[in-house]
Amino acid sequence: MDRNFLTVALPKGKLFGLSADLLGSVGFSADGLSEKSRKLIITNDEARLKFIITKTADVPTYVEYGAADIGIIGKDVIDEAGKDVYELFDLGFGACRLMMAVPADKSSRLEDYDNTRVATKFPHIAEKFFAAHGMQMEYIKLNGSIELAPGVGLSESIVDIVETGTSLRQNNLVEVVTIMHATARLIANRVSYKLKFDRINGLVTALEKIYRS
């Protein structure tokens, strides 16, 4: 952990631009900070800032272990990762929901899927949800194209993120139940939050002013 710099982990993908723009509006920026940059570590020496650009799922890991002091990531990723980090601020953007979906011609009753297979990128969240409903499931971890699984017989259902529902309709799937709603959050390493409290709290205060205005 660099005591002189504040290191920020930003996720590649849909949250990157919104995160970078928001941080830039309160003076947290660096020349060349772009998702398309070949450099994965971008530094602003004058402001004593360092940005790490990483895969979405890895942001909580970088923050938990102190490779990054703070990060921006979706609530769904935080809960799935189960990392020991401070959740400081709900940024509100990147809204989506995690839901269970099944083929449109199958039962839409949740209890009918007890002891069946579910394909998901979020096995930990899914397991906690189904266990709370007294259901035992077989979890098949996939990293992409989750909607494909029921159509090829890999699983009877899926648990996945949905924003508009277009992909579900295109793959003849219907939502059975919403598991959680998610938005982007500002998170912090627990040690960094103590050692660099003034800078991190200053950022939170600046963000609060933006959201109140």
Protein backbone atom coordinates (compact mmCIF):
# COMPACT_ATOMS: atom_id res chain seq x y z
CA MET A 1 0.00 0.00 0.00
CA ASP A 2 1.45 3.34 -1.13
CA ARG A 3 1.04 5.88 1.67
CA ASN A 4 1.63 8.84 -0.67
CA PHE A 5 -0.88 7.95 -3.37
CA LEU A 6 -4.57 7.13 -3.33
CA THR A 7 -5.15 4.14 -5.60
CA VAL A 8 -8.52 3.73 -7.30
CA ALA A 9 -9.73 0.51 -8.97
CA LEU A 10 -12.09 1.04 -11.90
CA PRO A 11 -13.94 -1.76 -13.72
CA LYS A 12 -13.81 -2.29 -17.45
CA GLY A 13 -17.19 -2.27 -19.17
CA LYS A 14 -20.37 -0.28 -18.75
CA LEU A 15 -19.42 1.29 -15.40
CA PHE A 16 -16.04 2.62 -16.48
CA GLY A 17 -17.07 5.77 -18.33
CA LEU A 18 -19.68 6.78 -15.77
CA SER A 19 -17.21 6.17 -12.92
CA ALA A 20 -14.36 8.08 -14.55
CA ASP A 21 -16.63 11.02 -15.41
CA LEU A 22 -18.03 11.21 -11.88
CA LEU A 23 -14.60 11.07 -10.26
CA GLY A 24 -13.29 13.62 -12.73
CA SER A 25 -16.07 16.02 -11.75
CA VAL A 26 -14.60 16.17 -8.22
CA GLY A 27 -10.97 16.39 -9.31
CA PHE A 28 -10.06 12.69 -9.29
CA SER A 29 -8.64 12.23 -12.78
CA ALA A 30 -5.49 11.53 -14.74
CA ASP A 31 -4.30 12.14 -18.30
CA GLY A 32 -4.95 9.12 -20.47
CA LEU A 33 -7.53 7.60 -18.15
CA SER A 34 -9.49 5.58 -20.69
CA GLU A 35 -10.90 2.08 -20.88
CA LYS A 36 -9.16 1.74 -24.24
CA SER A 37 -5.76 2.55 -22.78
CA ARG A 38 -3.13 -0.17 -23.13
CA LYS A 39 -1.79 0.92 -19.76
CA LEU A 40 -3.63 -0.72 -16.87
CA ILE A 41 -2.07 1.59 -14.25
CA ILE A 42 -2.45 5.31 -14.91
CA THR A 43 -0.93 7.86 -12.54
CA ASN A 44 -1.49 11.52 -11.75
CA ASP A 45 1.70 12.42 -9.85
CA GLU A 46 0.63 15.98 -9.12
CA ALA A 47 -2.66 14.90 -7.50
CA ARG A 48 -1.03 11.80 -5.97
CA LEU A 49 -3.60 9.54 -7.63
CA LYS A 50 -3.18 6.13 -9.20
CA PHE A 51 -5.87 4.35 -11.22
CA ILE A 52 -6.03 0.59 -11.80
CA ILE A 53 -8.19 -0.61 -14.70
CA THR A 54 -9.29 -4.19 -14.12
CA LYS A 55 -11.94 -6.77 -14.87
CA THR A 56 -15.23 -6.13 -13.13
CA ALA A 57 -15.16 -9.23 -10.92
CA ASP A 58 -11.64 -8.41 -9.66
CA VAL A 59 -12.31 -4.93 -8.25
CA PRO A 60 -13.38 -6.16 -4.75
CA THR A 61 -10.26 -8.37 -4.59
CA TYR A 62 -7.90 -5.48 -5.36
CA VAL A 63 -9.62 -3.38 -2.71
CA GLU A 64 -9.79 -6.07 -0.02
CA TYR A 65 -6.07 -6.83 -0.28
CA GLY A 66 -5.04 -3.17 -0.39
CA ALA A 67 -3.71 -3.10 -3.95
CA ALA A 68 -6.35 -0.39 -4.36
CA ASP A 69 -7.52 1.91 -1.59
CA ILE A 70 -10.95 2.45 -3.10
CA GLY A 71 -12.96 1.16 -6.05
CA ILE A 72 -16.24 1.48 -7.89
CA ILE A 73 -18.23 -1.67 -8.57
CA GLY A 74 -21.80 -3.00 -8.74
CA LYS A 75 -23.58 -4.20 -5.60
CA ASP A 76 -24.15 -7.57 -7.31
CA VAL A 77 -20.39 -8.07 -7.73
CA ILE A 78 -19.75 -7.04 -4.12
CA ASP A 79 -22.25 -9.54 -2.76
CA GLU A 80 -21.04 -12.36 -5.01
CA ALA A 81 -17.38 -11.78 -4.16
CA GLY A 82 -18.04 -11.66 -0.42
CA LYS A 83 -14.89 -9.61 0.17
CA ASP A 84 -14.19 -7.73 3.40
CA VAL A 85 -14.49 -4.11 2.25
CA TYR A 86 -16.25 -0.96 3.38
CA GLU A 87 -19.24 0.04 1.27
CA LEU A 88 -19.13 3.83 1.43
CA PHE A 89 -21.61 5.29 -1.03
CA ASP A 90 -24.42 4.24 -3.34
CA LEU A 91 -23.63 5.99 -6.61
CA GLY A 92 -27.01 5.17 -8.13
CA PHE A 93 -25.92 4.53 -11.72
CA GLY A 94 -25.55 1.17 -13.47
CA ALA A 95 -28.94 0.07 -12.14
CA CYS A 96 -29.91 -3.51 -12.89
CA ARG A 97 -31.50 -6.46 -11.16
CA LEU A 98 -30.50 -10.05 -10.56
CA MET A 99 -33.31 -12.44 -11.36
CA MET A 100 -34.21 -16.05 -12.04
CA ALA A 101 -35.59 -16.86 -15.49
CA VAL A 102 -36.93 -20.01 -17.16
CA PRO A 103 -38.11 -21.01 -20.65
CA ALA A 104 -41.41 -19.34 -21.53
CA ASP A 105 -43.16 -22.67 -22.09
CA LYS A 106 -42.23 -24.04 -18.65
CA SER A 107 -43.71 -23.51 -15.18
CA SER A 108 -43.28 -20.04 -13.71
CA ARG A 109 -43.70 -21.26 -10.12
CA LEU A 110 -40.47 -20.95 -8.16
CA GLU A 111 -41.08 -24.05 -6.05
CA ASP A 112 -41.34 -26.24 -9.15
CA TYR A 113 -37.59 -25.86 -9.69
CA ASP A 114 -36.45 -27.41 -6.43
CA ASN A 115 -33.62 -29.93 -7.02
CA THR A 116 -32.94 -28.73 -10.57
CA ARG A 117 -29.94 -27.17 -12.27
CA VAL A 118 -29.44 -23.41 -12.47
CA ALA A 119 -26.80 -21.72 -14.62
CA THR A 120 -25.33 -18.46 -13.33
CA LYS A 121 -22.36 -16.15 -12.92
CA PHE A 122 -23.54 -15.60 -9.35
CA PRO A 123 -23.56 -18.99 -7.59
CA HIS A 124 -23.06 -17.56 -4.09
CA ILE A 125 -25.93 -15.09 -4.31
CA ALA A 126 -28.11 -17.73 -5.97
CA GLU A 127 -27.35 -20.34 -3.33
CA LYS A 128 -28.18 -17.94 -0.51
CA PHE A 129 -31.47 -17.03 -2.20
CA PHE A 130 -32.61 -20.57 -2.90
CA ALA A 131 -31.54 -21.79 0.53
CA ALA A 132 -33.70 -19.07 2.08
CA HIS A 133 -36.62 -20.60 0.15
CA GLY A 134 -35.78 -24.12 1.34
CA MET A 135 -34.60 -25.18 -2.11
CA GLN A 136 -31.60 -27.33 -2.99
CA MET A 137 -30.16 -26.63 -6.42
CA GLU A 138 -27.28 -27.76 -8.57
CA TYR A 139 -25.26 -24.69 -9.55
CA ILE A 140 -23.52 -24.52 -12.92
CA LYS A 141 -21.05 -21.63 -13.06
CA LEU A 142 -20.84 -19.91 -16.44
CA ASN A 143 -18.93 -16.77 -17.40
CA GLY A 144 -21.08 -15.60 -20.29
CA SER A 145 -24.09 -16.30 -22.54
CA ILE A 146 -26.10 -17.48 -19.55
CA GLU A 147 -29.35 -17.32 -21.56
CA LEU A 148 -28.10 -20.15 -23.75
CA ALA A 149 -28.11 -22.76 -20.95
CA PRO A 150 -31.81 -23.78 -20.81
CA GLY A 151 -32.12 -23.92 -24.59
CA VAL A 152 -29.35 -26.50 -24.94
CA GLY A 153 -30.39 -28.56 -21.91
CA LEU A 154 -27.56 -27.47 -19.63
CA SER A 155 -29.93 -26.19 -16.95
CA GLU A 156 -33.61 -25.76 -16.21
CA SER A 157 -33.22 -22.11 -15.20
CA ILE A 158 -30.76 -19.23 -15.02
CA VAL A 159 -29.89 -16.56 -12.49
CA ASP A 160 -28.50 -13.51 -14.24
CA ILE A 161 -28.42 -9.73 -14.44
CA VAL A 162 -31.10 -8.03 -16.51
CA GLU A 163 -31.49 -4.37 -17.47
CA THR A 164 -34.13 -4.15 -20.19
CA GLY A 165 -35.19 -7.78 -20.60
CA THR A 166 -34.50 -7.77 -24.33
CA SER A 167 -32.01 -10.64 -24.17
CA LEU A 168 -34.49 -12.74 -22.18
CA ARG A 169 -37.23 -12.24 -24.78
CA GLN A 170 -34.87 -13.00 -27.64
CA ASN A 171 -33.99 -16.31 -26.00
CA ASN A 172 -37.59 -17.21 -25.13
CA LEU A 173 -37.07 -16.81 -21.38
CA VAL A 174 -39.34 -15.23 -18.79
CA GLU A 175 -38.50 -13.87 -15.36
CA VAL A 176 -39.78 -15.89 -12.39
CA VAL A 177 -38.55 -13.80 -9.47
CA THR A 178 -36.30 -10.81 -8.75
CA ILE A 179 -33.49 -11.73 -6.38
CA MET A 180 -31.90 -8.32 -5.83
CA HIS A 181 -31.56 -4.82 -7.26
CA ALA A 182 -28.05 -3.47 -7.80
CA THR A 183 -26.34 -0.14 -8.46
CA ALA A 184 -22.71 1.00 -8.50
CA ARG A 185 -21.08 1.50 -5.10
CA LEU A 186 -17.92 3.20 -3.85
CA ILE A 187 -15.97 0.74 -1.70
CA ALA A 188 -12.81 1.08 0.38
CA ASN A 189 -10.11 -1.08 1.90
CA ARG A 190 -10.58 -1.15 5.68
CA VAL A 191 -6.98 -0.21 6.50
CA SER A 192 -6.84 2.48 3.83
CA TYR A 193 -10.03 4.01 5.18
CA LYS A 194 -8.26 4.60 8.48
CA LEU A 195 -4.84 5.60 7.17
CA LYS A 196 -6.14 7.80 4.35
CA PHE A 197 -9.37 8.87 5.98
CA ASP A 198 -9.08 12.56 5.10
CA ARG A 199 -8.72 11.93 1.37
CA ILE A 200 -11.33 9.19 1.18
CA ASN A 201 -13.83 11.02 3.34
CA GLY A 202 -13.18 14.16 1.32
CA LEU A 203 -14.17 12.27 -1.81
CA VAL A 204 -17.34 10.98 -0.18
CA THR A 205 -18.24 14.49 0.98
CA ALA A 206 -17.69 15.87 -2.53
CA LEU A 207 -19.89 13.14 -4.01
CA GLU A 208 -22.62 13.80 -1.46
CA LYS A 209 -22.69 17.47 -2.51
CA ILE A 210 -23.15 16.45 -6.15
CA TYR A 211 -26.00 14.10 -5.33
CA ARG A 212 -27.72 16.69 -3.16
CA SER A 213 -27.56 19.40 -5.82
